[in-house]
Amino acid sequence: MVESVQDVNPTVLQALRELMQDDYALLLQTFLADAELRLRQLRSALSADDMDAFRQAAHSFKGSCGNMGAEVLEQACLEAEAAGLAGDRAGAASSLTLIEQGFTRLQPLLR
């Protein structure tokens, strides 16, 4: 993982605040709920050894993380997607750990 990547890009969050205005809180709530769903999908796919489902979940999560400026999560999802594509279960498990850790750090930054 690149060290210059931030947990969250404040410029992106500020742009979203300005764009969404009164709906910003709803956007954050929707993102957090979606993130929980994606994490469950990733865990389930990994435990079922379904690397294609793992890749798909990582790809979807990567997009929403990018939209929210969650740079560390976006990078970890990119790595998870690559591991899923390669059928690399150990890499997928490692990436999932990074995603879970990044999400834990991100939550208070968004609230």
Protein backbone atom coordinates (compact mmCIF):
# COMPACT_ATOMS: atom_id res chain seq x y z
CA MET A 1 0.00 0.00 0.00
CA VAL A 2 1.28 3.47 -0.86
CA GLU A 3 2.07 5.48 2.25
CA SER A 4 0.82 8.79 0.82
CA VAL A 5 -2.74 7.46 0.62
CA GLN A 6 -5.00 9.01 3.27
CA ASP A 7 -7.79 7.35 5.22
CA VAL A 8 -10.07 10.02 3.82
CA ASN A 9 -9.42 12.88 1.42
CA PRO A 10 -10.82 16.02 3.11
CA THR A 11 -11.10 17.84 -0.23
CA VAL A 12 -13.45 15.17 -1.55
CA LEU A 13 -15.55 15.26 1.63
CA GLN A 14 -15.80 19.05 1.49
CA ALA A 15 -16.89 18.91 -2.16
CA LEU A 16 -19.54 16.32 -1.25
CA ARG A 17 -20.74 18.50 1.65
CA GLU A 18 -21.13 21.45 -0.69
CA LEU A 19 -22.80 19.39 -3.41
CA MET A 20 -25.18 17.43 -1.17
CA GLN A 21 -25.84 20.18 1.40
CA ASP A 22 -28.78 19.01 3.56
CA ASP A 23 -28.55 15.49 2.09
CA TYR A 24 -24.90 15.02 3.14
CA ALA A 25 -25.83 13.17 6.35
CA LEU A 26 -28.03 10.81 4.33
CA LEU A 27 -25.15 10.21 1.91
CA LEU A 28 -22.85 9.27 4.80
CA GLN A 29 -25.49 7.02 6.34
CA THR A 30 -26.05 5.30 2.98
CA PHE A 31 -22.32 4.81 2.41
CA LEU A 32 -21.80 3.33 5.89
CA ALA A 33 -24.74 0.94 5.48
CA ASP A 34 -23.50 -0.09 2.03
CA ALA A 35 -19.99 -0.60 3.41
CA GLU A 36 -21.34 -2.97 6.08
CA LEU A 37 -23.15 -4.93 3.35
CA ARG A 38 -19.98 -5.10 1.20
CA LEU A 39 -17.94 -6.30 4.17
CA ARG A 40 -20.46 -9.08 4.79
CA GLN A 41 -20.33 -10.02 1.10
CA LEU A 42 -16.52 -10.10 1.15
CA ARG A 43 -16.41 -12.24 4.29
CA SER A 44 -19.06 -14.61 2.93
CA ALA A 45 -17.36 -14.97 -0.46
CA LEU A 46 -14.01 -15.62 1.18
CA SER A 47 -15.39 -18.24 3.56
CA ALA A 48 -17.16 -19.92 0.61
CA ASP A 49 -13.91 -19.75 -1.35
CA ASP A 50 -15.81 -17.92 -4.13
CA MET A 51 -13.07 -15.72 -5.54
CA ASP A 52 -15.29 -14.35 -8.32
CA ALA A 53 -17.91 -13.14 -5.83
CA PHE A 54 -15.08 -11.75 -3.70
CA ARG A 55 -13.69 -9.85 -6.70
CA GLN A 56 -17.13 -8.48 -7.58
CA ALA A 57 -17.81 -7.28 -4.03
CA ALA A 58 -14.36 -5.67 -3.83
CA HIS A 59 -14.93 -3.95 -7.19
CA SER A 60 -18.29 -2.51 -6.10
CA PHE A 61 -16.93 -1.38 -2.75
CA LYS A 62 -13.89 0.19 -4.44
CA GLY A 63 -16.16 2.45 -6.49
CA SER A 64 -18.16 3.74 -3.55
CA CYS A 65 -14.97 4.26 -1.51
CA GLY A 66 -13.49 6.29 -4.35
CA ASN A 67 -16.63 8.44 -4.55
CA MET A 68 -16.39 9.15 -0.81
CA GLY A 69 -12.68 9.97 -0.85
CA ALA A 70 -11.89 6.91 1.31
CA GLU A 71 -8.47 6.46 -0.28
CA VAL A 72 -7.07 3.71 1.96
CA LEU A 73 -10.22 1.64 1.55
CA GLU A 74 -10.22 2.22 -2.20
CA GLN A 75 -6.60 1.00 -2.42
CA ALA A 76 -7.30 -2.05 -0.24
CA CYS A 77 -10.35 -2.88 -2.39
CA LEU A 78 -8.19 -2.62 -5.50
CA GLU A 79 -5.79 -5.14 -3.95
CA ALA A 80 -8.72 -7.37 -2.95
CA GLU A 81 -10.14 -7.21 -6.45
CA ALA A 82 -6.78 -8.25 -7.91
CA ALA A 83 -6.49 -11.12 -5.41
CA GLY A 84 -9.97 -12.30 -6.31
CA LEU A 85 -9.17 -12.14 -10.01
CA ALA A 86 -5.97 -14.13 -9.45
CA GLY A 87 -7.75 -16.67 -7.25
CA ASP A 88 -5.29 -15.80 -4.48
CA ARG A 89 -7.12 -16.75 -1.28
CA ALA A 90 -4.25 -15.68 1.00
CA GLY A 91 -4.04 -12.32 -0.76
CA ALA A 92 -7.81 -11.95 -0.54
CA ALA A 93 -7.74 -12.66 3.20
CA SER A 94 -4.92 -10.17 3.70
CA SER A 95 -6.77 -7.52 1.68
CA LEU A 96 -9.96 -8.12 3.64
CA THR A 97 -8.06 -7.50 6.88
CA LEU A 98 -6.79 -4.19 5.45
CA ILE A 99 -10.33 -3.27 4.37
CA GLU A 100 -11.73 -4.04 7.82
CA GLN A 101 -8.99 -2.03 9.54
CA GLY A 102 -9.43 0.88 7.13
CA PHE A 103 -13.20 0.89 7.63
CA THR A 104 -12.75 0.91 11.41
CA ARG A 105 -10.48 3.97 11.14
CA LEU A 106 -12.76 5.68 8.60
CA GLN A 107 -16.02 5.53 10.52
CA PRO A 108 -15.25 8.21 13.13
CA LEU A 109 -13.74 10.45 10.45
CA LEU A 110 -17.07 10.50 8.60
CA ARG A 111 -19.30 11.13 11.60
